[in-house]
N, C-alpha and C. Protein backbone atom coordinates (compact mmCIF):
# COMPACT_ATOMS: atom_id res chain seq x y z
N UNK A 1 114.92 112.03 95.32
CA UNK A 1 114.14 110.59 95.24
C UNK A 1 114.66 109.07 95.79
N UNK A 2 115.86 109.16 95.43
CA UNK A 2 116.52 107.91 95.97
C UNK A 2 116.43 107.53 97.56
N UNK A 3 116.59 108.52 98.13
CA UNK A 3 116.76 108.36 99.94
C UNK A 3 115.72 107.31 100.41
N UNK A 4 114.79 107.41 99.54
CA UNK A 4 113.32 106.64 100.09
C UNK A 4 113.74 105.17 100.22
N UNK A 5 114.85 104.68 99.57
CA UNK A 5 115.43 103.54 99.69
C UNK A 5 116.14 103.33 100.57
N UNK A 6 116.90 104.11 100.94
CA UNK A 6 118.18 104.02 101.86
C UNK A 6 117.93 103.30 103.30
N UNK A 7 118.40 102.74 104.02
CA UNK A 7 118.01 102.10 105.15
C UNK A 7 118.13 103.13 106.21
N UNK A 8 117.62 103.21 107.02
CA UNK A 8 117.88 104.20 108.06
C UNK A 8 117.25 103.25 109.48
N UNK A 9 117.35 104.06 110.65
CA UNK A 9 117.09 103.76 111.72
C UNK A 9 115.72 103.30 111.91
N UNK A 10 114.70 104.32 111.35
CA UNK A 10 113.01 104.02 111.70
C UNK A 10 112.47 102.38 110.98
N UNK A 11 113.33 102.00 109.46
CA UNK A 11 112.92 101.45 108.80
C UNK A 11 112.93 99.83 109.32
N UNK A 12 114.32 99.66 110.97
CA UNK A 12 114.02 98.89 111.57
C UNK A 12 112.40 97.58 112.15
N UNK A 13 111.47 99.41 112.43
CA UNK A 13 110.53 98.58 112.87
C UNK A 13 109.56 98.22 111.98
N UNK A 14 109.95 96.93 111.98
CA UNK A 14 108.88 96.32 110.60
C UNK A 14 107.63 96.01 110.75
N UNK A 15 106.62 96.19 110.36
CA UNK A 15 104.99 95.81 109.95
C UNK A 15 104.81 94.07 109.75
N UNK A 16 103.96 93.40 110.69
CA UNK A 16 104.38 91.97 109.63
C UNK A 16 103.76 91.83 108.22
N UNK A 17 104.60 91.28 107.76
CA UNK A 17 104.03 91.46 106.16
C UNK A 17 103.17 90.07 105.68
N UNK A 18 102.32 90.71 105.21
CA UNK A 18 100.85 89.92 104.98
C UNK A 18 100.66 89.44 103.39
N UNK A 19 100.67 87.95 103.05
CA UNK A 19 100.67 87.46 101.74
C UNK A 19 99.84 87.98 101.06
N UNK A 20 99.51 88.79 100.02
CA UNK A 20 98.56 89.60 99.24
C UNK A 20 97.78 88.86 98.66
N UNK A 21 98.14 86.72 98.69
CA UNK A 21 96.80 86.18 98.05
C UNK A 21 96.12 86.12 99.10
N UNK A 22 96.39 85.58 100.21
CA UNK A 22 95.56 85.19 101.40
C UNK A 22 95.88 85.64 102.59
N UNK A 23 96.34 86.85 102.96
CA UNK A 23 96.00 87.51 103.77
C UNK A 23 96.54 87.11 104.99
N UNK A 24 97.51 86.15 105.02
CA UNK A 24 98.25 85.52 106.50
C UNK A 24 99.67 86.62 106.72
N UNK A 25 99.73 85.76 108.03
CA UNK A 25 101.07 86.62 108.39
C UNK A 25 102.05 85.92 108.37
N UNK A 26 101.68 84.14 108.30
CA UNK A 26 102.81 83.65 108.30
C UNK A 26 103.95 83.25 106.95
N UNK A 27 104.52 84.02 107.15
CA UNK A 27 105.52 84.54 106.19
C UNK A 27 106.82 84.71 106.59
N UNK A 28 108.15 84.34 105.35
CA UNK A 28 109.31 84.71 105.78
C UNK A 28 109.96 85.31 104.35
N UNK A 29 111.29 85.66 104.84
CA UNK A 29 112.04 86.23 104.00
C UNK A 29 112.74 85.23 102.63
N UNK A 30 112.30 85.32 101.63
CA UNK A 30 113.06 84.43 100.84
C UNK A 30 113.83 85.22 99.22
N UNK A 31 114.99 85.54 99.94
CA UNK A 31 115.93 86.26 99.09
C UNK A 31 115.47 87.87 98.45
N UNK A 32 116.13 88.01 97.53
CA UNK A 32 115.40 89.78 97.03
C UNK A 32 116.15 89.39 95.56
N UNK A 33 115.56 90.47 94.91
CA UNK A 33 116.11 90.37 93.73
C UNK A 33 116.20 91.96 93.23
N UNK A 34 117.16 92.22 92.50
CA UNK A 34 117.53 93.58 91.97
C UNK A 34 116.40 94.25 90.77
N UNK A 35 116.12 95.48 90.77
CA UNK A 35 115.35 95.65 89.87
C UNK A 35 116.03 97.44 89.32
N UNK A 36 116.10 97.62 88.65
CA UNK A 36 116.44 98.91 87.88
C UNK A 36 115.79 99.95 87.94
N UNK A 37 115.93 101.07 89.26
CA UNK A 37 115.66 102.17 89.23
C UNK A 37 114.96 102.77 87.45
N UNK A 38 113.86 103.09 88.36
CA UNK A 38 113.69 103.68 86.86
C UNK A 38 113.78 105.35 86.26
N UNK A 39 114.52 106.10 87.40
CA UNK A 39 114.49 107.45 87.15
C UNK A 39 116.34 107.73 87.27
N UNK A 40 116.92 106.77 87.81
CA UNK A 40 118.64 107.18 87.81
C UNK A 40 118.89 105.80 87.73
N UNK A 41 120.83 106.00 87.48
CA UNK A 41 121.08 104.96 86.83
C UNK A 41 121.37 104.29 87.82
N UNK A 42 120.89 102.87 88.58
CA UNK A 42 121.12 102.13 89.93
C UNK A 42 120.13 100.86 89.94
N UNK A 43 120.38 100.57 90.58
CA UNK A 43 119.78 99.14 90.85
C UNK A 43 119.34 99.23 92.32
N UNK A 44 117.67 98.68 92.42
CA UNK A 44 117.27 98.70 94.05
C UNK A 44 117.06 97.01 94.44
N UNK A 45 117.11 97.44 95.16
CA UNK A 45 117.13 95.35 95.90
C UNK A 45 115.78 95.51 96.81
N UNK A 46 114.80 94.64 96.33
CA UNK A 46 112.99 94.05 96.53
C UNK A 46 112.99 93.10 97.17
N UNK A 47 112.80 93.14 98.15
CA UNK A 47 112.60 91.62 99.21
C UNK A 47 111.69 90.91 98.46
N UNK A 48 111.93 89.62 98.94
CA UNK A 48 111.00 88.68 98.51
C UNK A 48 110.56 87.99 99.54
N UNK A 49 109.42 87.16 99.56
CA UNK A 49 109.03 86.71 101.01
C UNK A 49 108.26 85.19 100.54
N UNK A 50 108.22 84.43 101.19
CA UNK A 50 107.04 83.16 101.16
C UNK A 50 106.35 83.05 101.56
N UNK A 51 105.37 82.39 101.52
CA UNK A 51 104.16 82.19 102.22
C UNK A 51 104.14 80.75 102.75
N UNK A 52 104.10 80.86 104.08
CA UNK A 52 104.40 79.01 104.80
C UNK A 52 102.76 78.72 104.90
N UNK A 53 101.48 79.62 104.66
CA UNK A 53 100.32 79.11 104.66
C UNK A 53 100.12 77.83 103.86
N UNK A 54 99.69 76.51 104.13
CA UNK A 54 100.05 75.68 103.11
C UNK A 54 98.75 75.51 101.96
N UNK A 55 97.52 76.06 102.42
CA UNK A 55 96.46 76.26 101.56
C UNK A 55 97.13 77.23 100.17
N UNK A 56 97.63 77.87 100.47
CA UNK A 56 97.76 79.68 99.60
C UNK A 56 98.62 79.16 98.30
N UNK A 57 97.47 79.70 97.10
CA UNK A 57 98.46 79.44 95.97
C UNK A 57 99.50 79.96 95.46
N UNK A 58 99.52 81.12 96.01
CA UNK A 58 100.93 82.05 96.11
C UNK A 58 102.09 81.80 96.83
N UNK A 59 102.93 81.07 96.39
CA UNK A 59 104.10 80.82 97.36
C UNK A 59 105.11 82.10 97.82
N UNK A 60 105.20 82.81 96.54
CA UNK A 60 106.32 83.73 96.35
C UNK A 60 106.03 85.14 96.18
N UNK A 61 105.95 86.58 96.49
CA UNK A 61 105.85 87.71 96.58
C UNK A 61 106.52 88.17 96.91
N UNK A 62 106.67 89.74 96.21
CA UNK A 62 107.41 91.06 97.01
C UNK A 62 106.50 91.99 97.48
N UNK A 63 106.83 92.79 98.33
CA UNK A 63 106.12 94.48 98.71
C UNK A 63 107.14 95.64 98.38
N UNK A 64 106.27 95.51 97.01
CA UNK A 64 106.62 97.00 96.83
C UNK A 64 107.05 98.35 97.68
N UNK A 65 108.09 99.08 97.76
CA UNK A 65 108.26 100.31 98.06
C UNK A 65 107.59 101.02 98.07
N UNK A 66 106.86 102.48 98.49
CA UNK A 66 106.23 103.14 98.46
C UNK A 66 105.98 103.74 96.77
N UNK A 67 107.13 104.26 96.26
CA UNK A 67 106.43 104.98 95.18
C UNK A 67 106.96 103.76 93.68
N UNK A 68 107.04 102.87 94.18
CA UNK A 68 107.32 102.13 92.97
C UNK A 68 105.55 101.27 92.73
N UNK A 69 105.60 101.37 91.10
CA UNK A 69 104.24 100.66 91.00
C UNK A 69 104.79 98.81 90.37
N UNK A 70 104.23 97.85 90.95
CA UNK A 70 104.45 96.97 90.47
C UNK A 70 104.50 96.36 89.22
N UNK A 71 105.56 95.25 88.44
CA UNK A 71 105.44 95.24 87.03
C UNK A 71 106.09 96.83 86.46
N UNK A 72 105.22 97.75 86.32
CA UNK A 72 105.36 98.53 85.40
C UNK A 72 106.94 99.21 85.29
N UNK A 73 107.34 99.18 86.42
CA UNK A 73 108.42 99.52 86.47
C UNK A 73 108.56 100.92 86.43
N UNK A 74 107.65 102.43 86.61
CA UNK A 74 107.89 103.47 86.95
C UNK A 74 106.67 103.58 88.06
N UNK A 75 107.43 105.23 88.41
CA UNK A 75 107.46 105.51 90.06
C UNK A 75 105.67 106.16 89.89
N UNK A 76 105.10 106.04 90.99
CA UNK A 76 103.81 106.56 90.63
C UNK A 76 103.76 107.74 90.54
N UNK A 77 104.57 108.76 91.12
CA UNK A 77 104.81 110.28 90.47
C UNK A 77 105.06 110.28 89.03
N UNK A 78 105.69 109.21 88.31
CA UNK A 78 106.05 109.23 86.91
C UNK A 78 104.46 109.39 85.89
N UNK A 79 103.28 108.36 86.63
CA UNK A 79 102.30 108.29 86.14
C UNK A 79 101.68 109.49 86.29
N UNK A 80 101.77 109.59 87.46
CA UNK A 80 100.66 111.16 87.58
C UNK A 80 101.23 112.52 86.52
N UNK A 81 102.82 112.39 86.52
CA UNK A 81 103.14 113.48 85.99
C UNK A 81 102.85 113.35 84.13
N UNK A 82 102.80 112.20 83.82
CA UNK A 82 102.60 111.47 82.50
C UNK A 82 100.92 112.17 82.27
N UNK A 83 99.88 111.74 82.94
CA UNK A 83 98.69 112.05 82.96
C UNK A 83 98.68 113.76 82.79
N UNK A 84 99.48 114.21 83.91
CA UNK A 84 99.10 115.81 83.80
C UNK A 84 100.44 116.78 82.46
N UNK A 85 101.27 116.08 81.76
CA UNK A 85 101.34 116.19 80.61
C UNK A 85 100.58 116.01 78.90
N UNK A 86 99.90 115.17 79.31
CA UNK A 86 99.42 114.28 78.09
C UNK A 86 98.10 114.80 78.52
N UNK A 87 97.17 115.14 78.85
CA UNK A 87 96.03 115.29 79.67
C UNK A 87 95.56 116.90 79.75
N UNK A 88 96.43 117.27 80.46
CA UNK A 88 95.86 118.84 80.92
C UNK A 88 96.74 119.23 80.05
N UNK A 89 98.20 119.51 79.76
CA UNK A 89 99.34 120.54 79.13
C UNK A 89 99.06 119.46 77.37
N UNK A 90 98.31 118.53 76.99
CA UNK A 90 98.41 118.31 75.78
C UNK A 90 99.30 117.86 74.69
N UNK A 91 100.31 117.74 75.74
CA UNK A 91 101.88 117.56 75.01
C UNK A 91 101.59 116.65 73.93
N UNK A 92 102.56 116.35 72.96
CA UNK A 92 102.30 114.99 71.91
C UNK A 92 103.08 114.11 72.58
N UNK A 93 103.25 112.74 72.11
CA UNK A 93 104.16 111.96 72.60
C UNK A 93 105.47 112.00 72.51
N UNK A 94 105.80 112.76 70.99
CA UNK A 94 107.29 113.36 71.53
C UNK A 94 108.18 113.94 72.14
N UNK A 95 107.28 115.07 72.46
CA UNK A 95 107.36 116.25 72.92
C UNK A 95 107.46 115.39 75.10
N UNK A 96 106.67 114.47 75.53
CA UNK A 96 106.37 114.20 76.31
C UNK A 96 107.47 113.11 76.76
N UNK A 97 107.89 111.80 75.46
CA UNK A 97 109.04 111.31 75.70
C UNK A 97 110.26 112.47 76.06
N UNK A 98 110.39 113.52 75.70
CA UNK A 98 111.46 113.73 75.51
C UNK A 98 111.65 114.91 77.00
N UNK A 99 110.42 115.11 77.47
CA UNK A 99 110.63 115.37 78.92
C UNK A 99 110.48 114.77 79.99
N UNK A 100 109.95 113.54 79.80
CA UNK A 100 110.32 112.32 80.61
C UNK A 100 111.76 111.61 80.77
N UNK A 101 112.38 111.81 79.10
CA UNK A 101 113.87 111.09 78.47
C UNK A 101 113.41 110.11 79.13
N UNK A 102 112.13 109.65 77.99
CA UNK A 102 112.10 108.39 77.87
C UNK A 102 112.11 108.27 76.17
N UNK A 103 111.82 106.92 75.55
CA UNK A 103 112.11 106.66 74.05
C UNK A 103 110.51 107.18 73.93
N UNK A 104 110.27 106.98 72.45
CA UNK A 104 108.62 107.61 71.92
C UNK A 104 107.76 106.37 71.93
N UNK A 105 108.30 105.11 71.74
CA UNK A 105 108.17 103.84 72.31
C UNK A 105 107.41 103.80 73.81
N UNK A 106 108.15 104.11 74.60
CA UNK A 106 107.69 103.50 76.26
C UNK A 106 106.96 105.03 76.27
N UNK A 107 106.43 106.14 75.98
CA UNK A 107 106.15 107.08 75.94
C UNK A 107 105.16 106.78 75.28
N UNK A 108 104.49 106.66 74.53
CA UNK A 108 102.99 105.80 73.87
C UNK A 108 102.68 104.66 74.96
N UNK A 109 103.64 103.79 75.71
CA UNK A 109 102.93 102.59 76.20
C UNK A 109 102.61 103.72 77.62
N UNK A 110 103.39 104.00 77.90
CA UNK A 110 103.35 104.94 79.00
C UNK A 110 101.61 105.91 79.14
N UNK A 111 101.75 106.50 78.13
CA UNK A 111 100.39 107.17 77.75
C UNK A 111 98.95 106.42 77.43
N UNK A 112 99.17 105.19 77.23
CA UNK A 112 98.35 104.41 76.75
C UNK A 112 97.66 103.66 78.92
N UNK A 113 98.68 103.21 78.88
CA UNK A 113 98.88 102.63 80.35
C UNK A 113 97.97 103.95 81.05
N UNK A 114 98.04 105.16 80.92
CA UNK A 114 97.59 106.56 81.82
C UNK A 114 95.99 106.35 82.00
N UNK A 115 96.19 106.30 80.69
CA UNK A 115 94.46 106.29 79.68
C UNK A 115 93.61 105.37 80.90
N UNK A 116 93.72 104.11 80.91
CA UNK A 116 93.48 103.09 81.32
C UNK A 116 93.30 103.41 83.03
N UNK A 117 94.84 103.66 83.51
CA UNK A 117 94.99 103.91 85.03
C UNK A 117 94.08 104.46 85.75
N UNK A 118 93.77 105.87 85.08
CA UNK A 118 93.23 107.32 85.43
C UNK A 118 91.65 106.57 85.62
N UNK A 119 91.18 106.13 84.43
CA UNK A 119 89.88 105.42 84.12
C UNK A 119 89.50 104.83 85.55
N UNK A 120 90.57 103.35 85.95
CA UNK A 120 90.24 102.66 87.23
C UNK A 120 90.47 103.44 88.35
N UNK A 121 91.71 104.47 88.72
CA UNK A 121 91.36 104.99 89.98
C UNK A 121 90.26 105.77 90.33
N UNK A 122 89.71 106.65 89.14
CA UNK A 122 89.07 107.35 89.35
C UNK A 122 87.33 106.64 89.83
N UNK A 123 87.32 104.95 89.48
CA UNK A 123 86.34 104.13 89.88
C UNK A 123 86.65 103.97 91.80
N UNK A 124 87.70 103.28 91.50
CA UNK A 124 88.08 103.18 92.75
C UNK A 124 88.69 103.82 93.80
N UNK A 125 88.62 105.21 93.88
CA UNK A 125 88.05 106.08 94.91
C UNK A 125 86.92 106.30 95.27
N UNK A 126 85.86 105.84 94.20
CA UNK A 126 84.63 105.94 94.91
C UNK A 126 84.11 104.88 96.06
N UNK A 127 84.99 103.51 95.22
CA UNK A 127 84.64 102.08 96.34
C UNK A 127 85.46 101.55 97.34
N UNK A 128 86.95 101.96 96.75
CA UNK A 128 88.16 101.12 97.99
C UNK A 128 88.10 101.88 99.09
N UNK A 129 88.49 101.03 100.28
CA UNK A 129 88.87 102.06 101.39
C UNK A 129 89.82 102.68 101.25
N UNK A 130 91.02 102.51 100.19
CA UNK A 130 92.28 103.42 100.83
C UNK A 130 91.98 104.38 99.70
N UNK A 131 91.12 104.63 98.72
CA UNK A 131 90.71 105.55 97.42
C UNK A 131 91.14 106.77 97.76
N UNK A 132 90.27 108.11 98.60
CA UNK A 132 91.02 109.02 99.27
C UNK A 132 91.70 109.20 100.06
N UNK A 133 92.21 108.14 100.25
CA UNK A 133 93.12 108.22 102.01
C UNK A 133 94.59 108.52 100.60
N UNK A 134 94.60 107.28 99.49
CA UNK A 134 95.78 107.53 98.95
C UNK A 134 96.13 108.43 98.71
N UNK A 135 95.41 109.75 98.02
CA UNK A 135 96.00 111.20 97.64
C UNK A 135 96.90 111.85 99.34
N UNK A 136 96.02 111.55 100.49
CA UNK A 136 96.62 112.18 101.54
C UNK A 136 98.04 111.44 102.49
N UNK A 137 97.74 109.88 102.39
CA UNK A 137 98.92 109.27 103.38
C UNK A 137 98.96 107.81 102.21
N UNK A 138 99.59 108.37 101.11
CA UNK A 138 100.10 107.17 99.92
C UNK A 138 100.82 106.29 100.81
N UNK A 139 102.00 105.97 101.48
CA UNK A 139 103.26 105.14 102.03
C UNK A 139 102.10 104.44 103.01
N UNK A 140 101.20 104.74 103.39
CA UNK A 140 100.11 103.99 104.49
C UNK A 140 99.40 102.92 103.79
N UNK A 141 98.78 103.35 102.74
CA UNK A 141 97.88 102.52 102.43
C UNK A 141 98.42 101.83 101.10
N UNK A 142 100.00 101.53 100.58
CA UNK A 142 100.30 101.48 99.60
C UNK A 142 100.25 99.85 98.99
N UNK A 143 100.28 99.25 100.38
CA UNK A 143 100.15 97.52 100.21
C UNK A 143 98.74 97.48 99.59
N UNK A 144 97.72 97.87 100.15
CA UNK A 144 96.45 97.58 99.32
C UNK A 144 95.94 98.11 98.27
N UNK A 145 97.08 99.42 98.09
CA UNK A 145 96.63 99.71 96.76
C UNK A 145 97.27 99.10 95.29
N UNK A 146 98.19 99.04 95.78
CA UNK A 146 99.16 97.79 94.41
C UNK A 146 99.01 96.59 95.03
N UNK A 147 98.32 95.96 96.02
CA UNK A 147 97.27 94.74 95.79
C UNK A 147 96.14 94.90 94.51
N UNK A 148 95.24 96.09 94.50
CA UNK A 148 94.18 95.73 93.65
C UNK A 148 94.57 96.53 92.43
N UNK A 149 95.76 97.39 92.56
CA UNK A 149 96.14 97.52 91.26
C UNK A 149 97.11 96.20 90.16
N UNK A 150 97.43 95.16 91.05
CA UNK A 150 98.23 94.23 90.31
C UNK A 150 97.06 93.40 89.84
N UNK A 151 95.79 93.67 90.71
CA UNK A 151 94.59 92.52 90.71
C UNK A 151 94.00 93.02 88.89
N UNK A 152 93.69 94.18 89.22
CA UNK A 152 93.32 95.04 87.76
C UNK A 152 93.99 95.10 86.31
N UNK A 153 95.03 95.15 86.50
CA UNK A 153 95.95 95.07 85.50
C UNK A 153 97.43 94.33 85.04
N UNK A 154 96.98 92.83 86.17
CA UNK A 154 97.89 92.25 85.65
C UNK A 154 97.20 90.87 86.27
N UNK A 155 96.00 90.73 85.34
CA UNK A 155 95.13 89.41 86.29
C UNK A 155 95.82 87.88 86.32
N UNK A 156 97.00 87.60 85.04
CA UNK A 156 97.30 86.53 85.17
C UNK A 156 98.26 86.07 86.26
N UNK A 157 98.33 86.87 87.51
CA UNK A 157 99.20 86.74 87.83
C UNK A 157 98.50 86.50 89.51
N UNK A 158 97.20 86.35 89.37
CA UNK A 158 96.49 85.78 90.39
C UNK A 158 95.05 84.84 90.19
N UNK A 159 95.02 83.87 90.85
CA UNK A 159 94.17 82.65 90.81
C UNK A 159 93.11 83.38 90.51
N UNK A 160 92.13 82.46 90.10
CA UNK A 160 90.52 83.25 89.47
C UNK A 160 89.30 83.33 91.02
N UNK A 161 90.06 82.28 91.58
CA UNK A 161 89.15 82.22 92.95
C UNK A 161 89.83 82.16 94.33
N UNK A 162 89.80 82.78 95.23
CA UNK A 162 90.36 83.10 96.34
C UNK A 162 90.25 81.68 97.04
N UNK A 163 91.13 81.27 98.11
CA UNK A 163 91.35 79.57 98.58
C UNK A 163 90.05 80.34 100.07
N UNK A 164 89.35 78.73 100.00
CA UNK A 164 88.41 78.93 101.50
C UNK A 164 88.82 77.33 102.28
N UNK A 165 88.04 77.52 102.96
CA UNK A 165 88.19 76.48 103.93
C UNK A 165 87.52 75.77 103.80
N UNK A 166 86.02 76.21 102.75
CA UNK A 166 84.73 75.39 102.72
C UNK A 166 84.62 75.36 101.26
N UNK A 167 84.82 73.96 101.06
CA UNK A 167 84.51 73.60 99.29
C UNK A 167 82.24 73.33 99.19
N UNK A 168 82.15 73.97 97.99
CA UNK A 168 81.27 74.37 97.66
C UNK A 168 80.41 72.52 97.35
N UNK A 169 79.18 73.01 97.64
CA UNK A 169 78.59 71.15 97.76
C UNK A 169 77.91 71.04 96.44
């Protein structure tokens, strides 16, 4: 799983990075930070960007690589596995914690999150452009998915109104 974070010759072809708030491509690299790998004992380097659009309320942001969910610190596959263990196999929290090698408190929070997440995901798959495509080609739609995910589960990180060039009269 950690090979997805290694640099290879194909990763040099970068697509323009868009600000998740204003969708402008006027961005520059602005350092990086390390984040603990959720399944292995190592650190992952996450690139930070700076939005140079003057009217954008968001100044810095990062784009999470495909399997990492923003803020949650779990892989998308871990959330899917948790949902499968908890709902389909009806494991208890203690047995799920042992199976995922996490603490019971963390398993409880993850189980609660999974319930909310799959309720949201089933609704989004009906209305979002990436909905059905995420299951087929997740890496291609990951930026749109993580933006919608962040707006739903971490609304305090997003301003209430999107910036516009026109002010109401």
